[in-house]
Amino acid sequence: MSKGFKMKVLYTDSSPGKSNPVLEKELGARSVGFEQLLEESDFISIHVPLRSDTRHLFNAAAFKKMKKTAYLINTARGPVINEADRDR
C-alpha cells in the first residue's frame, strides 16, 4: 500500500524488465506490464515523451483493456492518445 491516499500504485516502463527500486521502496509502488496496468488501474497518469513508439500508445486496443470507470490523465503530449479511438 502506498503512502499516497492509501492506494495501490502500479507503474510501467517502456524498457521491458526495468524497475525503479527507489520508487518501489519509498512509495510501495510495483512495476507491472502495460496490459496489467491498463486492466487493474482506476487512475492512469501518462508521463512519456512523444516518440514514434509512444504516438497513439492509447488506442482502441488499450481503451478496451481499461476499466470502464478508469480516469485517464494525460500529462504527456496530446498525440500519445489516439483521440479518434477514445470513445470506442
C-alpha atoms as a PDB file:
ATOM      1  CA  MET A   1       0.000   0.000   0.000  1.00  0.00           C
ATOM      2  CA  SER A   2       1.428   3.372  -0.910  1.00  0.00           C
ATOM      3  CA  LYS A   3       1.667   6.479   1.211  1.00  0.00           C
ATOM      4  CA  GLY A   4      -0.402   8.445  -1.300  1.00  0.00           C
ATOM      5  CA  PHE A   5      -4.108   8.201  -0.464  1.00  0.00           C
ATOM      6  CA  LYS A   6      -3.603   4.617   0.715  1.00  0.00           C
ATOM      7  CA  MET A   7      -3.912   3.302  -2.822  1.00  0.00           C
ATOM      8  CA  LYS A   8      -2.020   0.610  -4.642  1.00  0.00           C
ATOM      9  CA  VAL A   9       0.447   2.243  -7.056  1.00  0.00           C
ATOM     10  CA  LEU A  10       1.359   0.409 -10.250  1.00  0.00           C
ATOM     11  CA  TYR A  11       3.743   1.687 -12.888  1.00  0.00           C
ATOM     12  CA  THR A  12       5.242   0.519 -16.126  1.00  0.00           C
ATOM     13  CA  ASP A  13       8.333   1.441 -18.074  1.00  0.00           C
ATOM     14  CA  SER A  14       8.857   1.292 -21.823  1.00  0.00           C
ATOM     15  CA  SER A  15      12.014  -0.754 -21.262  1.00  0.00           C
ATOM     16  CA  PRO A  16      10.979  -4.352 -20.506  1.00  0.00           C
ATOM     17  CA  GLY A  17      12.044  -5.573 -17.081  1.00  0.00           C
ATOM     18  CA  LYS A  18      13.103  -2.118 -15.946  1.00  0.00           C
ATOM     19  CA  SER A  19      12.032  -1.126 -12.464  1.00  0.00           C
ATOM     20  CA  ASN A  20      12.728   1.700 -10.052  1.00  0.00           C
ATOM     21  CA  PRO A  21      13.791   0.309  -6.639  1.00  0.00           C
ATOM     22  CA  VAL A  22      13.702   3.759  -5.021  1.00  0.00           C
ATOM     23  CA  LEU A  23      10.131   4.368  -6.183  1.00  0.00           C
ATOM     24  CA  GLU A  24       9.118   0.935  -5.001  1.00  0.00           C
ATOM     25  CA  LYS A  25      10.694   1.392  -1.572  1.00  0.00           C
ATOM     26  CA  GLU A  26       9.568   4.971  -0.954  1.00  0.00           C
ATOM     27  CA  LEU A  27       6.011   4.654  -2.278  1.00  0.00           C
ATOM     28  CA  GLY A  28       5.341   0.947  -2.150  1.00  0.00           C
ATOM     29  CA  ALA A  29       4.838   1.027  -5.932  1.00  0.00           C
ATOM     30  CA  ARG A  30       5.008  -2.096  -8.068  1.00  0.00           C
ATOM     31  CA  SER A  31       6.282  -2.470 -11.631  1.00  0.00           C
ATOM     32  CA  VAL A  32       3.864  -4.299 -13.961  1.00  0.00           C
ATOM     33  CA  GLY A  33       3.449  -4.757 -17.691  1.00  0.00           C
ATOM     34  CA  PHE A  34       1.461  -2.216 -19.694  1.00  0.00           C
ATOM     35  CA  GLU A  35      -1.534  -4.531 -20.193  1.00  0.00           C
ATOM     36  CA  GLN A  36      -1.754  -5.332 -16.476  1.00  0.00           C
ATOM     37  CA  LEU A  37      -1.551  -1.624 -15.681  1.00  0.00           C
ATOM     38  CA  LEU A  38      -4.453  -0.932 -18.060  1.00  0.00           C
ATOM     39  CA  GLU A  39      -6.589  -3.757 -16.672  1.00  0.00           C
ATOM     40  CA  GLU A  40      -6.111  -3.010 -12.966  1.00  0.00           C
ATOM     41  CA  SER A  41      -5.882   0.774 -12.707  1.00  0.00           C
ATOM     42  CA  ASP A  42      -8.626   3.134 -11.579  1.00  0.00           C
ATOM     43  CA  PHE A  43      -6.473   6.159 -12.452  1.00  0.00           C
ATOM     44  CA  ILE A  44      -3.810   6.233 -15.162  1.00  0.00           C
ATOM     45  CA  SER A  45      -1.467   9.194 -15.371  1.00  0.00           C
ATOM     46  CA  ILE A  46       0.625   9.334 -18.549  1.00  0.00           C
ATOM     47  CA  HIS A  47       4.182  10.678 -18.339  1.00  0.00           C
ATOM     48  CA  VAL A  48       6.002   9.818 -21.567  1.00  0.00           C
ATOM     49  CA  PRO A  49       7.808  11.808 -24.257  1.00  0.00           C
ATOM     50  CA  LEU A  50       6.242  11.885 -27.704  1.00  0.00           C
ATOM     51  CA  ARG A  51       8.224   9.473 -29.870  1.00  0.00           C
ATOM     52  CA  SER A  52       7.316   7.053 -32.614  1.00  0.00           C
ATOM     53  CA  ASP A  53       6.799   4.271 -30.049  1.00  0.00           C
ATOM     54  CA  THR A  54       4.516   6.378 -27.810  1.00  0.00           C
ATOM     55  CA  ARG A  55       2.402   8.044 -30.525  1.00  0.00           C
ATOM     56  CA  HIS A  56      -1.115   6.622 -30.145  1.00  0.00           C
ATOM     57  CA  LEU A  57       0.055   4.443 -27.245  1.00  0.00           C
ATOM     58  CA  PHE A  58      -3.505   4.793 -26.013  1.00  0.00           C
ATOM     59  CA  ASN A  59      -5.601   3.478 -28.876  1.00  0.00           C
ATOM     60  CA  ALA A  60      -8.755   1.376 -29.260  1.00  0.00           C
ATOM     61  CA  ALA A  61      -6.975  -1.773 -28.039  1.00  0.00           C
ATOM     62  CA  ALA A  62      -5.667  -0.004 -24.915  1.00  0.00           C
ATOM     63  CA  PHE A  63      -9.039   1.574 -24.143  1.00  0.00           C
ATOM     64  CA  LYS A  64     -10.756  -1.837 -24.413  1.00  0.00           C
ATOM     65  CA  LYS A  65      -8.446  -3.210 -21.705  1.00  0.00           C
ATOM     66  CA  MET A  66      -9.124  -0.351 -19.300  1.00  0.00           C
ATOM     67  CA  LYS A  67     -11.870  -0.391 -16.711  1.00  0.00           C
ATOM     68  CA  LYS A  68     -14.947   1.492 -17.942  1.00  0.00           C
ATOM     69  CA  THR A  69     -14.713   3.632 -14.794  1.00  0.00           C
ATOM     70  CA  ALA A  70     -10.993   4.426 -15.094  1.00  0.00           C
ATOM     71  CA  TYR A  71      -9.749   8.012 -15.286  1.00  0.00           C
ATOM     72  CA  LEU A  72      -7.037   8.840 -17.806  1.00  0.00           C
ATOM     73  CA  ILE A  73      -4.822  11.835 -17.002  1.00  0.00           C
ATOM     74  CA  ASN A  74      -2.587  12.879 -19.871  1.00  0.00           C
ATOM     75  CA  THR A  75       0.370  14.998 -18.747  1.00  0.00           C
ATOM     76  CA  ALA A  76       2.242  13.977 -21.896  1.00  0.00           C
ATOM     77  CA  ARG A  77       1.888  15.299 -25.436  1.00  0.00           C
ATOM     78  CA  GLY A  78      -1.576  15.055 -26.979  1.00  0.00           C
ATOM     79  CA  PRO A  79      -0.789  12.540 -29.749  1.00  0.00           C
ATOM     80  CA  VAL A  80       0.053   9.876 -27.145  1.00  0.00           C
ATOM     81  CA  ILE A  81      -3.716   9.366 -27.154  1.00  0.00           C
ATOM     82  CA  ASN A  82      -5.468   8.492 -30.390  1.00  0.00           C
ATOM     83  CA  GLU A  83      -8.461  10.793 -29.940  1.00  0.00           C
ATOM     84  CA  ALA A  84     -10.381   9.025 -32.725  1.00  0.00           C
ATOM     85  CA  ASP A  85     -10.284   5.788 -30.682  1.00  0.00           C
ATOM     86  CA  ARG A  86     -11.150   7.380 -27.344  1.00  0.00           C
ATOM     87  CA  ASP A  87     -14.889   6.606 -27.316  1.00  0.00           C
ATOM     88  CA  ARG A  88     -14.656   3.073 -28.696  1.00  0.00           C
END
